[in-house]
C-alpha atoms as a PDB file:
ATOM      1  CA  MET A   1      60.489 135.637  73.690  1.00  0.00           C
ATOM      2  CA  ARG A   2      63.777 134.297  74.885  1.00  0.00           C
ATOM      3  CA  TRP A   3      64.458 130.517  74.899  1.00  0.00           C
ATOM      4  CA  TRP A   4      67.086 129.329  77.648  1.00  0.00           C
ATOM      5  CA  GLY A   5      68.087 125.773  76.943  1.00  0.00           C
ATOM      6  CA  SER A   6      71.099 123.618  77.973  1.00  0.00           C
ATOM      7  CA  SER A   7      73.656 122.408  75.760  1.00  0.00           C
ATOM      8  CA  THR A   8      76.376 119.817  76.519  1.00  0.00           C
ATOM      9  CA  ILE A   9      79.746 120.430  75.529  1.00  0.00           C
ATOM     10  CA  ARG A  10      81.861 117.344  74.860  1.00  0.00           C
ATOM     11  CA  ARG A  11      85.512 117.492  75.104  1.00  0.00           C
ATOM     12  CA  GLN A  12      87.775 115.190  73.524  1.00  0.00           C
ATOM     13  CA  HIS A  13      89.906 113.657  76.130  1.00  0.00           C
ATOM     14  CA  GLU A  14      93.449 112.480  75.628  1.00  0.00           C
ATOM     15  CA  PRO A  15      93.211 108.569  75.930  1.00  0.00           C
ATOM     16  CA  VAL A  16      94.558 107.822  79.600  1.00  0.00           C
ATOM     17  CA  MET A  17      97.683 105.955  79.104  1.00  0.00           C
ATOM     18  CA  LEU A  18      98.141 103.434  81.975  1.00  0.00           C
ATOM     19  CA  SER A  19     101.368 101.729  82.753  1.00  0.00           C
ATOM     20  CA  PRO A  20     101.149  97.908  81.655  1.00  0.00           C
ATOM     21  CA  VAL A  21      99.841  95.360  83.806  1.00  0.00           C
ATOM     22  CA  ARG A  22     102.497  92.782  84.718  1.00  0.00           C
ATOM     23  CA  VAL A  23     102.459  89.443  86.389  1.00  0.00           C
ATOM     24  CA  VAL A  24     105.189  88.502  88.762  1.00  0.00           C
ATOM     25  CA  SER A  25     105.242  84.809  89.641  1.00  0.00           C
ATOM     26  CA  LEU A  26     107.139  83.957  92.840  1.00  0.00           C
ATOM     27  CA  GLU A  27     107.942  81.055  94.848  1.00  0.00           C
ATOM     28  CA  ALA A  28     106.983  81.519  98.781  1.00  0.00           C
ATOM     29  CA  MET A  29     106.771  80.018 102.079  1.00  0.00           C
ATOM     30  CA  PRO A  30     105.428  81.083 105.481  1.00  0.00           C
ATOM     31  CA  SER A  31     107.528  83.589 107.387  1.00  0.00           C
ATOM     32  CA  VAL A  32     109.229  82.163 110.395  1.00  0.00           C
ATOM     33  CA  SER A  33     107.972  85.186 112.183  1.00  0.00           C
ATOM     34  CA  SER A  34     104.246  84.438 111.176  1.00  0.00           C
ATOM     35  CA  ALA A  35     101.747  82.790 113.167  1.00  0.00           C
ATOM     36  CA  ARG A  36     101.548  79.792 110.496  1.00  0.00           C
ATOM     37  CA  GLU A  37     102.810  76.655 111.916  1.00  0.00           C
ATOM     38  CA  ALA A  38     105.676  74.834 110.184  1.00  0.00           C
ATOM     39  CA  SER A  39     103.386  72.471 108.004  1.00  0.00           C
ATOM     40  CA  THR A  40     101.802  75.307 106.403  1.00  0.00           C
ATOM     41  CA  PRO A  41     101.666  74.901 102.672  1.00  0.00           C
ATOM     42  CA  ARG A  42     104.268  76.555 100.556  1.00  0.00           C
ATOM     43  CA  ALA A  43     102.936  78.684  97.655  1.00  0.00           C
ATOM     44  CA  TYR A  44     103.377  79.877  94.055  1.00  0.00           C
ATOM     45  CA  VAL A  45     102.097  83.546  93.850  1.00  0.00           C
ATOM     46  CA  ASN A  46     101.070  85.310  90.912  1.00  0.00           C
ATOM     47  CA  VAL A  47     100.974  89.145  91.546  1.00  0.00           C
ATOM     48  CA  TYR A  48      99.094  91.268  89.296  1.00  0.00           C
ATOM     49  CA  LEU A  49     100.307  95.042  89.346  1.00  0.00           C
ATOM     50  CA  ILE A  50     100.451  98.032  87.253  1.00  0.00           C
ATOM     51  CA  ALA A  51     104.044  98.689  86.575  1.00  0.00           C
ATOM     52  CA  ASP A  52     106.243 100.693  84.110  1.00  0.00           C
ATOM     53  CA  ALA A  53     109.283  98.261  84.496  1.00  0.00           C
ATOM     54  CA  ASP A  54     110.137  94.662  85.522  1.00  0.00           C
ATOM     55  CA  GLU A  55     112.474  95.782  88.281  1.00  0.00           C
ATOM     56  CA  TYR A  56     109.716  97.908  89.854  1.00  0.00           C
ATOM     57  CA  ALA A  57     107.164  95.095  89.468  1.00  0.00           C
ATOM     58  CA  ILE A  58     109.585  92.432  91.234  1.00  0.00           C
ATOM     59  CA  GLY A  59     110.264  95.017  94.040  1.00  0.00           C
ATOM     60  CA  GLN A  60     106.416  95.550  94.659  1.00  0.00           C
ATOM     61  CA  ALA A  61     105.389  91.920  94.314  1.00  0.00           C
ATOM     62  CA  ARG A  62     108.075  90.872  97.038  1.00  0.00           C
ATOM     63  CA  ARG A  63     106.795  93.706  99.303  1.00  0.00           C
ATOM     64  CA  GLU A  64     103.160  92.357  98.743  1.00  0.00           C
ATOM     65  CA  VAL A  65     103.843  88.895  99.438  1.00  0.00           C
ATOM     66  CA  GLU A  66     106.289  89.817 102.557  1.00  0.00           C
ATOM     67  CA  ALA A  67     103.262  91.941 103.839  1.00  0.00           C
ATOM     68  CA  ALA A  68     100.998  88.948 103.699  1.00  0.00           C
ATOM     69  CA  GLY A  69     103.482  87.072 106.153  1.00  0.00           C
ATOM     70  CA  TRP A  70     105.454  85.041 103.497  1.00  0.00           C
ATOM     71  CA  ASP A  71     109.009  84.931 102.605  1.00  0.00           C
ATOM     72  CA  VAL A  72     109.881  84.804  98.867  1.00  0.00           C
ATOM     73  CA  THR A  73     111.891  81.738  98.013  1.00  0.00           C
ATOM     74  CA  GLY A  74     112.352  82.304  94.287  1.00  0.00           C
ATOM     75  CA  GLU A  75     111.356  84.297  91.171  1.00  0.00           C
ATOM     76  CA  CYS A  76     109.789  82.505  88.438  1.00  0.00           C
ATOM     77  CA  SER A  77     108.999  85.126  85.960  1.00  0.00           C
ATOM     78  CA  VAL A  78     107.658  88.349  85.009  1.00  0.00           C
ATOM     79  CA  ALA A  79     105.376  88.949  81.951  1.00  0.00           C
ATOM     80  CA  THR A  80     103.428  91.965  80.641  1.00  0.00           C
ATOM     81  CA  VAL A  81      99.868  91.112  79.982  1.00  0.00           C
ATOM     82  CA  SER A  82      96.806  92.633  78.413  1.00  0.00           C
ATOM     83  CA  GLU A  83      93.121  91.246  78.451  1.00  0.00           C
ATOM     84  CA  HIS A  84      93.969  89.399  75.136  1.00  0.00           C
ATOM     85  CA  SER A  85      96.511  87.514  77.209  1.00  0.00           C
ATOM     86  CA  PHE A  86      93.608  85.383  78.859  1.00  0.00           C
ATOM     87  CA  ASP A  87      90.634  83.301  77.665  1.00  0.00           C
ATOM     88  CA  ALA A  88      87.288  84.819  78.121  1.00  0.00           C
ATOM     89  CA  GLY A  89      85.878  83.950  81.578  1.00  0.00           C
ATOM     90  CA  SER A  90      89.257  82.591  82.914  1.00  0.00           C
ATOM     91  CA  ASP A  91      90.408  83.390  86.423  1.00  0.00           C
ATOM     92  CA  GLY A  92      93.367  85.397  84.824  1.00  0.00           C
ATOM     93  CA  LEU A  93      91.026  87.647  83.194  1.00  0.00           C
ATOM     94  CA  SER A  94      89.208  88.126  86.314  1.00  0.00           C
ATOM     95  CA  TYR A  95      92.481  89.064  88.340  1.00  0.00           C
ATOM     96  CA  TYR A  96      93.765  91.324  85.466  1.00  0.00           C
ATOM     97  CA  GLU A  97      90.247  93.159  85.432  1.00  0.00           C
ATOM     98  CA  GLN A  98      90.599  93.429  89.124  1.00  0.00           C
ATOM     99  CA  CYS A  99      94.094  94.665  88.841  1.00  0.00           C
ATOM    100  CA  LEU A 100      92.890  97.594  86.645  1.00  0.00           C
ATOM    101  CA  ILE A 101      90.590  98.665  89.530  1.00  0.00           C
ATOM    102  CA  ASP A 102      92.719  98.093  92.602  1.00  0.00           C
ATOM    103  CA  GLY A 103      96.114  98.398  91.112  1.00  0.00           C
ATOM    104  CA  VAL A 104      97.533  95.042  92.584  1.00  0.00           C
ATOM    105  CA  VAL A 105      96.050  91.716  93.057  1.00  0.00           C
ATOM    106  CA  VAL A 106      98.067  88.755  94.892  1.00  0.00           C
ATOM    107  CA  VAL A 107      97.010  85.120  94.242  1.00  0.00           C
ATOM    108  CA  PHE A 108      98.342  82.316  96.281  1.00  0.00           C
ATOM    109  CA  HIS A 109      98.414  78.881  94.933  1.00  0.00           C
ATOM    110  CA  THR A 110      99.443  76.684  97.886  1.00  0.00           C
ATOM    111  CA  TRP A 111     100.537  73.093  98.367  1.00  0.00           C
ATOM    112  CA  ARG A 112     101.643  71.273 101.596  1.00  0.00           C
ATOM    113  CA  HIS A 113     105.401  70.727 101.842  1.00  0.00           C
ATOM    114  CA  GLU A 114     106.277  67.194 102.693  1.00  0.00           C
ATOM    115  CA  HIS A 115     109.701  66.463 104.584  1.00  0.00           C
END
């Protein structure tokens, strides 16, 4: 009598080395060519993205903001972050985790511009 069974072969996988998540903080205002009216808010924008270098992160962040119909008016900072950079349950941690899934998360913090 032969017994046919199944066995599972587990392979040791190399850890996946992802590029770090960077947060690029920019200032922006609605693009003149966008459909927004002049009284539309200005914004601080945090772009969470996976990037090997600050220069790439800044360029990609600018493209994301411009694709949303905004003009970048100033760069504030670039920071490399990890899950330990944020408090448990914070919005920042949620954005970080979503970035790991989607590759990029863009968060606009708007305010009204008074003349």
